[in-house]
Amino acid sequence: MVGYGVHGVIFMATSGGNLVRVGRKPLINYVVACVTLFNSGLDEVTVRARGRTIPKAVDTVGMLKRAFLKELIIKSVDIGSEDIRRHNGKEKSISTIEITLSKKPGD
C-alpha cells in the first residue's frame, strides 16, 4: 500500500514495517511523518533515501532522536546503490540508505 501522509510525504506499508521515502520536501515533513507512524501504534519505521537526499534522511533520524522520540533505537543502517536508467538511455549508479528505527529495545 502506498499512501500520501502528513504534508504529502510518501509512506508505504511493507512486510517489515512502514517506509518513509525522503525526497525534496522540508526536513520537518519527514520527521512529522515518522512521529505520526510511531504514534499510530507502529513499533518500527524505515527511513529510505537515495542520492542527494541521504543527508536529509540522516538529519531526519537525528532530529527524531533529539527532539521527539528520545527512546528511539536505530535498529539497522543499510547502504547500497541502485542502477537507474537516465533519460538519455545511459545507466547511472545512485547511492542509497535505509535506516530502520524501533521504539522497542531488542526487536
PDB file of N, CA and C in Angstrom:
ATOM      1  N   MET A   1       0.846  -1.177   0.000  1.00  0.00           N
ATOM      2  CA  MET A   1       0.000   0.000   0.000  1.00  0.00           C
ATOM      3  C   MET A   1       0.889   1.238   0.000  1.00  0.00           C
ATOM      4  N   VAL A   2       0.622   2.133  -0.909  1.00  0.00           N
ATOM      5  CA  VAL A   2       1.324   3.409  -0.950  1.00  0.00           C
ATOM      6  C   VAL A   2       0.344   4.472  -0.516  1.00  0.00           C
ATOM      7  N   GLY A   3       0.779   5.377   0.330  1.00  0.00           N
ATOM      8  CA  GLY A   3      -0.100   6.443   0.783  1.00  0.00           C
ATOM      9  C   GLY A   3       0.628   7.758   0.842  1.00  0.00           C
ATOM     10  N   TYR A   4      -0.134   8.806   0.814  1.00  0.00           N
ATOM     11  CA  TYR A   4       0.414  10.142   0.989  1.00  0.00           C
ATOM     12  C   TYR A   4      -0.049  10.615   2.344  1.00  0.00           C
ATOM     13  N   GLY A   5       0.892  10.737   3.250  1.00  0.00           N
ATOM     14  CA  GLY A   5       0.566  11.059   4.622  1.00  0.00           C
ATOM     15  C   GLY A   5       0.666  12.537   4.898  1.00  0.00           C
ATOM     16  N   VAL A   6       1.199  12.838   6.040  1.00  0.00           N
ATOM     17  CA  VAL A   6       1.328  14.193   6.532  1.00  0.00           C
ATOM     18  C   VAL A   6       2.124  15.031   5.542  1.00  0.00           C
ATOM     19  N   HIS A   7       1.596  16.155   5.134  1.00  0.00           N
ATOM     20  CA  HIS A   7       2.262  17.110   4.245  1.00  0.00           C
ATOM     21  C   HIS A   7       2.704  16.483   2.931  1.00  0.00           C
ATOM     22  N   GLY A   8       2.002  15.474   2.447  1.00  0.00           N
ATOM     23  CA  GLY A   8       2.315  14.866   1.165  1.00  0.00           C
ATOM     24  C   GLY A   8       3.508  13.937   1.160  1.00  0.00           C
ATOM     25  N   VAL A   9       4.011  13.546   2.327  1.00  0.00           N
ATOM     26  CA  VAL A   9       5.151  12.638   2.406  1.00  0.00           C
ATOM     27  C   VAL A   9       4.691  11.238   2.022  1.00  0.00           C
ATOM     28  N   ILE A  10       5.454  10.585   1.160  1.00  0.00           N
ATOM     29  CA  ILE A  10       5.103   9.240   0.717  1.00  0.00           C
ATOM     30  C   ILE A  10       5.525   8.223   1.770  1.00  0.00           C
ATOM     31  N   PHE A  11       4.596   7.344   2.125  1.00  0.00           N
ATOM     32  CA  PHE A  11       4.947   6.228   3.001  1.00  0.00           C
ATOM     33  C   PHE A  11       4.322   4.973   2.421  1.00  0.00           C
ATOM     34  N   MET A  12       4.929   3.832   2.707  1.00  0.00           N
ATOM     35  CA  MET A  12       4.462   2.564   2.165  1.00  0.00           C
ATOM     36  C   MET A  12       4.393   1.528   3.264  1.00  0.00           C
ATOM     37  N   ALA A  13       3.329   0.761   3.259  1.00  0.00           N
ATOM     38  CA  ALA A  13       3.239  -0.367   4.185  1.00  0.00           C
ATOM     39  C   ALA A  13       4.047  -1.509   3.589  1.00  0.00           C
ATOM     40  N   THR A  14       4.981  -2.037   4.348  1.00  0.00           N
ATOM     41  CA  THR A  14       5.801  -3.156   3.893  1.00  0.00           C
ATOM     42  C   THR A  14       5.660  -4.288   4.893  1.00  0.00           C
ATOM     43  N   SER A  15       6.170  -5.445   4.543  1.00  0.00           N
ATOM     44  CA  SER A  15       6.030  -6.598   5.432  1.00  0.00           C
ATOM     45  C   SER A  15       6.787  -6.399   6.739  1.00  0.00           C
ATOM     46  N   GLY A  16       7.881  -5.631   6.717  1.00  0.00           N
ATOM     47  CA  GLY A  16       8.686  -5.441   7.911  1.00  0.00           C
ATOM     48  C   GLY A  16       8.346  -4.188   8.689  1.00  0.00           C
ATOM     49  N   GLY A  17       7.372  -3.435   8.287  1.00  0.00           N
ATOM     50  CA  GLY A  17       7.028  -2.196   8.968  1.00  0.00           C
ATOM     51  C   GLY A  17       6.559  -1.168   7.976  1.00  0.00           C
ATOM     52  N   ASN A  18       6.785   0.084   8.281  1.00  0.00           N
ATOM     53  CA  ASN A  18       6.391   1.142   7.362  1.00  0.00           C
ATOM     54  C   ASN A  18       7.605   1.911   6.890  1.00  0.00           C
ATOM     55  N   LEU A  19       7.522   2.381   5.666  1.00  0.00           N
ATOM     56  CA  LEU A  19       8.635   3.021   4.991  1.00  0.00           C
ATOM     57  C   LEU A  19       8.305   4.474   4.695  1.00  0.00           C
ATOM     58  N   VAL A  20       9.217   5.374   5.050  1.00  0.00           N
ATOM     59  CA  VAL A  20       9.095   6.788   4.702  1.00  0.00           C
ATOM     60  C   VAL A  20      10.194   7.085   3.702  1.00  0.00           C
ATOM     61  N   ARG A  21       9.808   7.539   2.502  1.00  0.00           N
ATOM     62  CA  ARG A  21      10.784   7.866   1.468  1.00  0.00           C
ATOM     63  C   ARG A  21      11.114   9.347   1.534  1.00  0.00           C
ATOM     64  N   VAL A  22      12.376   9.653   1.774  1.00  0.00           N
ATOM     65  CA  VAL A  22      12.829  11.036   1.894  1.00  0.00           C
ATOM     66  C   VAL A  22      13.122  11.572   0.499  1.00  0.00           C
ATOM     67  N   GLY A  23      12.599  12.779   0.245  1.00  0.00           N
ATOM     68  CA  GLY A  23      12.782  13.406  -1.062  1.00  0.00           C
ATOM     69  C   GLY A  23      13.104  14.882  -0.930  1.00  0.00           C
ATOM     70  N   ARG A  24      12.388  15.709  -1.683  1.00  0.00           N
ATOM     71  CA  ARG A  24      12.685  17.140  -1.774  1.00  0.00           C
ATOM     72  C   ARG A  24      11.923  18.017  -0.791  1.00  0.00           C
ATOM     73  N   LYS A  25      11.006  17.460  -0.070  1.00  0.00           N
ATOM     74  CA  LYS A  25      10.205  18.266   0.863  1.00  0.00           C
ATOM     75  C   LYS A  25      11.055  18.712   2.053  1.00  0.00           C
ATOM     76  N   PRO A  26      10.563  19.678   2.824  1.00  0.00           N
ATOM     77  CA  PRO A  26      11.320  20.133   4.007  1.00  0.00           C
ATOM     78  C   PRO A  26      11.518  19.004   5.020  1.00  0.00           C
ATOM     79  N   LEU A  27      12.617  19.070   5.740  1.00  0.00           N
ATOM     80  CA  LEU A  27      13.006  18.050   6.716  1.00  0.00           C
ATOM     81  C   LEU A  27      11.898  17.752   7.719  1.00  0.00           C
ATOM     82  N   ILE A  28      11.257  18.773   8.233  1.00  0.00           N
ATOM     83  CA  ILE A  28      10.249  18.592   9.282  1.00  0.00           C
ATOM     84  C   ILE A  28       9.084  17.730   8.795  1.00  0.00           C
ATOM     85  N   ASN A  29       8.789  17.741   7.495  1.00  0.00           N
ATOM     86  CA  ASN A  29       7.712  16.904   6.969  1.00  0.00           C
ATOM     87  C   ASN A  29       7.995  15.423   7.212  1.00  0.00           C
ATOM     88  N   TYR A  30       9.240  15.013   7.028  1.00  0.00           N
ATOM     89  CA  TYR A  30       9.612  13.610   7.224  1.00  0.00           C
ATOM     90  C   TYR A  30       9.651  13.255   8.706  1.00  0.00           C
ATOM     91  N   VAL A  31      10.078  14.196   9.528  1.00  0.00           N
ATOM     92  CA  VAL A  31      10.080  13.983  10.977  1.00  0.00           C
ATOM     93  C   VAL A  31       8.649  13.778  11.463  1.00  0.00           C
ATOM     94  N   VAL A  32       7.747  14.645  11.034  1.00  0.00           N
ATOM     95  CA  VAL A  32       6.340  14.541  11.443  1.00  0.00           C
ATOM     96  C   VAL A  32       5.725  13.243  10.921  1.00  0.00           C
ATOM     97  N   ALA A  33       6.075  12.837   9.712  1.00  0.00           N
ATOM     98  CA  ALA A  33       5.546  11.580   9.168  1.00  0.00           C
ATOM     99  C   ALA A  33       5.989  10.394  10.022  1.00  0.00           C
ATOM    100  N   CYS A  34       7.251  10.377  10.434  1.00  0.00           N
ATOM    101  CA  CYS A  34       7.747   9.287  11.286  1.00  0.00           C
ATOM    102  C   CYS A  34       7.062   9.290  12.647  1.00  0.00           C
ATOM    103  N   VAL A  35       6.939  10.467  13.250  1.00  0.00           N
ATOM    104  CA  VAL A  35       6.267  10.572  14.554  1.00  0.00           C
ATOM    105  C   VAL A  35       4.826  10.094  14.434  1.00  0.00           C
ATOM    106  N   THR A  36       4.155  10.473  13.356  1.00  0.00           N
ATOM    107  CA  THR A  36       2.769  10.062  13.141  1.00  0.00           C
ATOM    108  C   THR A  36       2.660   8.542  13.029  1.00  0.00           C
ATOM    109  N   LEU A  37       3.579   7.923  12.294  1.00  0.00           N
ATOM    110  CA  LEU A  37       3.550   6.462  12.159  1.00  0.00           C
ATOM    111  C   LEU A  37       3.798   5.776  13.498  1.00  0.00           C
ATOM    112  N   PHE A  38       4.760   6.273  14.270  1.00  0.00           N
ATOM    113  CA  PHE A  38       5.006   5.691  15.596  1.00  0.00           C
ATOM    114  C   PHE A  38       3.801   5.899  16.510  1.00  0.00           C
ATOM    115  N   ASN A  39       3.195   7.072  16.466  1.00  0.00           N
ATOM    116  CA  ASN A  39       2.035   7.353  17.320  1.00  0.00           C
ATOM    117  C   ASN A  39       0.802   6.558  16.909  1.00  0.00           C
ATOM    118  N   SER A  40       0.781   6.054  15.678  1.00  0.00           N
ATOM    119  CA  SER A  40      -0.357   5.244  15.234  1.00  0.00           C
ATOM    120  C   SER A  40      -0.256   3.803  15.741  1.00  0.00           C
ATOM    121  N   GLY A  41       0.816   3.508  16.480  1.00  0.00           N
ATOM    122  CA  GLY A  41       0.941   2.190  17.085  1.00  0.00           C
ATOM    123  C   GLY A  41       2.037   1.318  16.507  1.00  0.00           C
ATOM    124  N   LEU A  42       2.741   1.803  15.512  1.00  0.00           N
ATOM    125  CA  LEU A  42       3.823   1.008  14.932  1.00  0.00           C
ATOM    126  C   LEU A  42       5.038   1.011  15.846  1.00  0.00           C
ATOM    127  N   ASP A  43       5.725  -0.111  15.899  1.00  0.00           N
ATOM    128  CA  ASP A  43       6.944  -0.211  16.701  1.00  0.00           C
ATOM    129  C   ASP A  43       8.196  -0.018  15.864  1.00  0.00           C
ATOM    130  N   GLU A  44       8.034  -0.024  14.522  1.00  0.00           N
ATOM    131  CA  GLU A  44       9.195   0.069  13.648  1.00  0.00           C
ATOM    132  C   GLU A  44       8.860   0.897  12.411  1.00  0.00           C
ATOM    133  N   VAL A  45       9.776   1.786  12.035  1.00  0.00           N
ATOM    134  CA  VAL A  45       9.634   2.621  10.842  1.00  0.00           C
ATOM    135  C   VAL A  45      10.978   2.621  10.124  1.00  0.00           C
ATOM    136  N   THR A  46      10.926   2.549   8.797  1.00  0.00           N
ATOM    137  CA  THR A  46      12.144   2.591   7.992  1.00  0.00           C
ATOM    138  C   THR A  46      12.175   3.891   7.203  1.00  0.00           C
ATOM    139  N   VAL A  47      13.307   4.578   7.252  1.00  0.00           N
ATOM    140  CA  VAL A  47      13.521   5.819   6.508  1.00  0.00           C
ATOM    141  C   VAL A  47      14.465   5.484   5.364  1.00  0.00           C
ATOM    142  N   ARG A  48      14.034   5.762   4.129  1.00  0.00           N
ATOM    143  CA  ARG A  48      14.836   5.417   2.955  1.00  0.00           C
ATOM    144  C   ARG A  48      15.091   6.665   2.123  1.00  0.00           C
ATOM    145  N   ALA A  49      16.324   6.778   1.610  1.00  0.00           N
ATOM    146  CA  ALA A  49      16.680   7.897   0.734  1.00  0.00           C
ATOM    147  C   ALA A  49      17.728   7.433  -0.258  1.00  0.00           C
ATOM    148  N   ARG A  50      17.884   8.215  -1.311  1.00  0.00           N
ATOM    149  CA  ARG A  50      18.945   7.923  -2.268  1.00  0.00           C
ATOM    150  C   ARG A  50      19.520   9.219  -2.813  1.00  0.00           C
ATOM    151  N   GLY A  51      20.766   9.143  -3.240  1.00  0.00           N
ATOM    152  CA  GLY A  51      21.424  10.292  -3.859  1.00  0.00           C
ATOM    153  C   GLY A  51      21.579  11.479  -2.930  1.00  0.00           C
ATOM    154  N   ARG A  52      21.197  12.638  -3.432  1.00  0.00           N
ATOM    155  CA  ARG A  52      21.368  13.892  -2.695  1.00  0.00           C
ATOM    156  C   ARG A  52      20.505  14.013  -1.448  1.00  0.00           C
ATOM    157  N   THR A  53      19.521  13.147  -1.293  1.00  0.00           N
ATOM    158  CA  THR A  53      18.642  13.242  -0.123  1.00  0.00           C
ATOM    159  C   THR A  53      19.130  12.407   1.059  1.00  0.00           C
ATOM    160  N   ILE A  54      20.246  11.702   0.909  1.00  0.00           N
ATOM    161  CA  ILE A  54      20.781  10.893   2.009  1.00  0.00           C
ATOM    162  C   ILE A  54      21.070  11.739   3.251  1.00  0.00           C
ATOM    163  N   PRO A  55      21.724  12.906   3.131  1.00  0.00           N
ATOM    164  CA  PRO A  55      21.937  13.717   4.348  1.00  0.00           C
ATOM    165  C   PRO A  55      20.635  14.125   5.036  1.00  0.00           C
ATOM    166  N   LYS A  56      19.578  14.347   4.259  1.00  0.00           N
ATOM    167  CA  LYS A  56      18.292  14.715   4.852  1.00  0.00           C
ATOM    168  C   LYS A  56      17.702  13.545   5.637  1.00  0.00           C
ATOM    169  N   ALA A  57      17.895  12.323   5.170  1.00  0.00           N
ATOM    170  CA  ALA A  57      17.421  11.148   5.907  1.00  0.00           C
ATOM    171  C   ALA A  57      18.161  11.021   7.231  1.00  0.00           C
ATOM    172  N   VAL A  58      19.472  11.239   7.203  1.00  0.00           N
ATOM    173  CA  VAL A  58      20.269  11.181   8.434  1.00  0.00           C
ATOM    174  C   VAL A  58      19.833  12.288   9.393  1.00  0.00           C
ATOM    175  N   ASP A  59      19.589  13.491   8.880  1.00  0.00           N
ATOM    176  CA  ASP A  59      19.115  14.597   9.718  1.00  0.00           C
ATOM    177  C   ASP A  59      17.728  14.310  10.286  1.00  0.00           C
ATOM    178  N   THR A  60      16.876  13.646   9.509  1.00  0.00           N
ATOM    179  CA  THR A  60      15.540  13.272   9.985  1.00  0.00           C
ATOM    180  C   THR A  60      15.645  12.377  11.212  1.00  0.00           C
ATOM    181  N   VAL A  61      16.483  11.366  11.133  1.00  0.00           N
ATOM    182  CA  VAL A  61      16.663  10.446  12.261  1.00  0.00           C
ATOM    183  C   VAL A  61      17.269  11.182  13.450  1.00  0.00           C
ATOM    184  N   GLY A  62      18.241  12.045  13.199  1.00  0.00           N
ATOM    185  CA  GLY A  62      18.855  12.816  14.281  1.00  0.00           C
ATOM    186  C   GLY A  62      17.858  13.698  14.999  1.00  0.00           C
ATOM    187  N   MET A  63      17.003  14.378  14.240  1.00  0.00           N
ATOM    188  CA  MET A  63      16.000  15.243  14.857  1.00  0.00           C
ATOM    189  C   MET A  63      14.972  14.423  15.628  1.00  0.00           C
ATOM    190  N   LEU A  64      14.590  13.277  15.094  1.00  0.00           N
ATOM    191  CA  LEU A  64      13.653  12.397  15.809  1.00  0.00           C
ATOM    192  C   LEU A  64      14.212  12.014  17.171  1.00  0.00           C
ATOM    193  N   LYS A  65      15.486  11.618  17.203  1.00  0.00           N
ATOM    194  CA  LYS A  65      16.106  11.187  18.460  1.00  0.00           C
ATOM    195  C   LYS A  65      16.307  12.345  19.435  1.00  0.00           C
ATOM    196  N   ARG A  66      16.710  13.502  18.929  1.00  0.00           N
ATOM    197  CA  ARG A  66      16.997  14.646  19.805  1.00  0.00           C
ATOM    198  C   ARG A  66      15.739  15.297  20.353  1.00  0.00           C
ATOM    199  N   ALA A  67      14.738  15.487  19.515  1.00  0.00           N
ATOM    200  CA  ALA A  67      13.629  16.351  19.899  1.00  0.00           C
ATOM    201  C   ALA A  67      12.304  15.643  20.161  1.00  0.00           C
ATOM    202  N   PHE A  68      12.072  14.496  19.551  1.00  0.00           N
ATOM    203  CA  PHE A  68      10.734  13.919  19.622  1.00  0.00           C
ATOM    204  C   PHE A  68      10.675  12.572  20.335  1.00  0.00           C
ATOM    205  N   LEU A  69      11.527  11.650  19.958  1.00  0.00           N
ATOM    206  CA  LEU A  69      11.462  10.288  20.499  1.00  0.00           C
ATOM    207  C   LEU A  69      12.835   9.911  21.045  1.00  0.00           C
ATOM    208  N   LYS A  70      13.123  10.376  22.238  1.00  0.00           N
ATOM    209  CA  LYS A  70      14.456  10.181  22.815  1.00  0.00           C
ATOM    210  C   LYS A  70      14.791   8.703  23.052  1.00  0.00           C
ATOM    211  N   GLU A  71      13.771   7.865  23.205  1.00  0.00           N
ATOM    212  CA  GLU A  71      13.994   6.436  23.442  1.00  0.00           C
ATOM    213  C   GLU A  71      14.166   5.654  22.136  1.00  0.00           C
ATOM    214  N   LEU A  72      14.172   6.337  21.019  1.00  0.00           N
ATOM    215  CA  LEU A  72      14.266   5.714  19.704  1.00  0.00           C
ATOM    216  C   LEU A  72      15.581   4.952  19.542  1.00  0.00           C
ATOM    217  N   ILE A  73      15.494   3.774  18.938  1.00  0.00           N
ATOM    218  CA  ILE A  73      16.659   2.922  18.722  1.00  0.00           C
ATOM    219  C   ILE A  73      16.883   2.782  17.219  1.00  0.00           C
ATOM    220  N   ILE A  74      18.125   2.963  16.789  1.00  0.00           N
ATOM    221  CA  ILE A  74      18.469   2.707  15.393  1.00  0.00           C
ATOM    222  C   ILE A  74      18.770   1.217  15.286  1.00  0.00           C
ATOM    223  N   LYS A  75      17.845   0.498  14.684  1.00  0.00           N
ATOM    224  CA  LYS A  75      17.939  -0.960  14.611  1.00  0.00           C
ATOM    225  C   LYS A  75      18.960  -1.402  13.566  1.00  0.00           C
ATOM    226  N   SER A  76      18.948  -0.740  12.406  1.00  0.00           N
ATOM    227  CA  SER A  76      19.917  -1.085  11.366  1.00  0.00           C
ATOM    228  C   SER A  76      20.083   0.069  10.397  1.00  0.00           C
ATOM    229  N   VAL A  77      21.237   0.102   9.758  1.00  0.00           N
ATOM    230  CA  VAL A  77      21.523   1.063   8.695  1.00  0.00           C
ATOM    231  C   VAL A  77      22.089   0.264   7.532  1.00  0.00           C
ATOM    232  N   ASP A  78      21.400   0.311   6.404  1.00  0.00           N
ATOM    233  CA  ASP A  78      21.854  -0.399   5.205  1.00  0.00           C
ATOM    234  C   ASP A  78      22.206   0.623   4.139  1.00  0.00           C
ATOM    235  N   ILE A  79      23.397   0.494   3.583  1.00  0.00           N
ATOM    236  CA  ILE A  79      23.791   1.366   2.487  1.00  0.00           C
ATOM    237  C   ILE A  79      24.020   0.511   1.255  1.00  0.00           C
ATOM    238  N   GLY A  80      23.793   1.104   0.107  1.00  0.00           N
ATOM    239  CA  GLY A  80      23.967   0.369  -1.137  1.00  0.00           C
ATOM    240  C   GLY A  80      23.886   1.313  -2.311  1.00  0.00           C
ATOM    241  N   SER A  81      23.592   0.744  -3.459  1.00  0.00           N
ATOM    242  CA  SER A  81      23.434   1.564  -4.656  1.00  0.00           C
ATOM    243  C   SER A  81      22.394   0.932  -5.566  1.00  0.00           C
ATOM    244  N   GLU A  82      21.791   1.773  -6.378  1.00  0.00           N
ATOM    245  CA  GLU A  82      20.813   1.339  -7.370  1.00  0.00           C
ATOM    246  C   GLU A  82      21.302   1.792  -8.732  1.00  0.00           C
ATOM    247  N   ASP A  83      21.137   0.942  -9.716  1.00  0.00           N
ATOM    248  CA  ASP A  83      21.438   1.332 -11.087  1.00  0.00           C
ATOM    249  C   ASP A  83      20.146   1.806 -11.728  1.00  0.00           C
ATOM    250  N   ILE A  84      20.157   3.037 -12.202  1.00  0.00           N
ATOM    251  CA  ILE A  84      18.965   3.581 -12.849  1.00  0.00           C
ATOM    252  C   ILE A  84      19.316   4.004 -14.266  1.00  0.00           C
ATOM    253  N   ARG A  85      18.318   4.004 -15.112  1.00  0.00           N
ATOM    254  CA  ARG A  85      18.494   4.441 -16.494  1.00  0.00           C
ATOM    255  C   ARG A  85      18.073   5.900 -16.597  1.00  0.00           C
ATOM    256  N   ARG A  86      18.986   6.725 -17.066  1.00  0.00           N
ATOM    257  CA  ARG A  86      18.713   8.157 -17.205  1.00  0.00           C
ATOM    258  C   ARG A  86      17.881   8.406 -18.456  1.00  0.00           C
ATOM    259  N   HIS A  87      17.389   9.625 -18.595  1.00  0.00           N
ATOM    260  CA  HIS A  87      16.529   9.981 -19.726  1.00  0.00           C
ATOM    261  C   HIS A  87      17.242   9.834 -21.069  1.00  0.00           C
ATOM    262  N   ASN A  88      18.580   9.898 -21.078  1.00  0.00           N
ATOM    263  CA  ASN A  88      19.333   9.741 -22.327  1.00  0.00           C
ATOM    264  C   ASN A  88      19.684   8.279 -22.616  1.00  0.00           C
ATOM    265  N   GLY A  89      19.199   7.368 -21.786  1.00  0.00           N
ATOM    266  CA  GLY A  89      19.410   5.947 -22.000  1.00  0.00           C
ATOM    267  C   GLY A  89      20.614   5.357 -21.293  1.00  0.00           C
ATOM    268  N   LYS A  90      21.466   6.184 -20.721  1.00  0.00           N
ATOM    269  CA  LYS A  90      22.655   5.688 -20.034  1.00  0.00           C
ATOM    270  C   LYS A  90      22.307   5.254 -18.613  1.00  0.00           C
ATOM    271  N   GLU A  91      23.047   4.268 -18.128  1.00  0.00           N
ATOM    272  CA  GLU A  91      22.855   3.794 -16.756  1.00  0.00           C
ATOM    273  C   GLU A  91      23.717   4.602 -15.803  1.00  0.00           C
ATOM    274  N   LYS A  92      23.185   4.817 -14.599  1.00  0.00           N
ATOM    275  CA  LYS A  92      23.917   5.552 -13.578  1.00  0.00           C
ATOM    276  C   LYS A  92      23.686   4.861 -12.243  1.00  0.00           C
ATOM    277  N   SER A  93      24.717   4.814 -11.423  1.00  0.00           N
ATOM    278  CA  SER A  93      24.613   4.217 -10.097  1.00  0.00           C
ATOM    279  C   SER A  93      24.354   5.320  -9.074  1.00  0.00           C
ATOM    280  N   ILE A  94      23.334   5.121  -8.240  1.00  0.00           N
ATOM    281  CA  ILE A  94      22.971   6.108  -7.220  1.00  0.00           C
ATOM    282  C   ILE A  94      23.053   5.440  -5.849  1.00  0.00           C
ATOM    283  N   SER A  95      23.706   6.112  -4.910  1.00  0.00           N
ATOM    284  CA  SER A  95      23.829   5.599  -3.544  1.00  0.00           C
ATOM    285  C   SER A  95      22.481   5.613  -2.840  1.00  0.00           C
ATOM    286  N   THR A  96      22.266   4.638  -1.946  1.00  0.00           N
ATOM    287  CA  THR A  96      21.025   4.555  -1.181  1.00  0.00           C
ATOM    288  C   THR A  96      21.342   4.317   0.290  1.00  0.00           C
ATOM    289  N   ILE A  97      20.398   4.704   1.135  1.00  0.00           N
ATOM    290  CA  ILE A  97      20.495   4.408   2.564  1.00  0.00           C
ATOM    291  C   ILE A  97      19.105   4.031   3.061  1.00  0.00           C
ATOM    292  N   GLU A  98      19.067   3.073   3.956  1.00  0.00           N
ATOM    293  CA  GLU A  98      17.815   2.651   4.583  1.00  0.00           C
ATOM    294  C   GLU A  98      18.090   2.508   6.077  1.00  0.00           C
ATOM    295  N   ILE A  99      17.408   3.326   6.878  1.00  0.00           N
ATOM    296  CA  ILE A  99      17.610   3.346   8.325  1.00  0.00           C
ATOM    297  C   ILE A  99      16.343   2.817   8.979  1.00  0.00           C
ATOM    298  N   THR A 100      16.471   1.721   9.709  1.00  0.00           N
ATOM    299  CA  THR A 100      15.328   1.126  10.388  1.00  0.00           C
ATOM    300  C   THR A 100      15.350   1.562  11.846  1.00  0.00           C
ATOM    301  N   LEU A 101      14.234   2.140  12.282  1.00  0.00           N
ATOM    302  CA  LEU A 101      14.097   2.683  13.634  1.00  0.00           C
ATOM    303  C   LEU A 101      13.093   1.854  14.418  1.00  0.00           C
ATOM    304  N   SER A 102      13.326   1.726  15.714  1.00  0.00           N
ATOM    305  CA  SER A 102      12.441   0.945  16.566  1.00  0.00           C
ATOM    306  C   SER A 102      12.211   1.679  17.882  1.00  0.00           C
ATOM    307  N   LYS A 103      11.007   1.521  18.420  1.00  0.00           N
ATOM    308  CA  LYS A 103      10.703   2.083  19.738  1.00  0.00           C
ATOM    309  C   LYS A 103      10.959   1.072  20.845  1.00  0.00           C
ATOM    310  N   LYS A 104      11.068  -0.210  20.481  1.00  0.00           N
ATOM    311  CA  LYS A 104      11.248  -1.259  21.485  1.00  0.00           C
ATOM    312  C   LYS A 104      12.673  -1.787  21.440  1.00  0.00           C
ATOM    313  N   PRO A 105      13.333  -1.891  22.586  1.00  0.00           N
ATOM    314  CA  PRO A 105      14.673  -2.480  22.594  1.00  0.00           C
ATOM    315  C   PRO A 105      14.612  -3.972  22.297  1.00  0.00           C
ATOM    316  N   GLY A 106      15.612  -4.454  21.564  1.00  0.00           N
ATOM    317  CA  GLY A 106      15.716  -5.881  21.302  1.00  0.00           C
ATOM    318  C   GLY A 106      14.863  -6.403  20.182  1.00  0.00           C
ATOM    319  N   ASP A 107      14.196  -5.542  19.423  1.00  0.00           N
ATOM    320  CA  ASP A 107      13.388  -6.017  18.288  1.00  0.00           C
ATOM    321  C   ASP A 107      14.267  -6.466  17.151  1.00  0.00           C
TER     322      ASP A 107
END
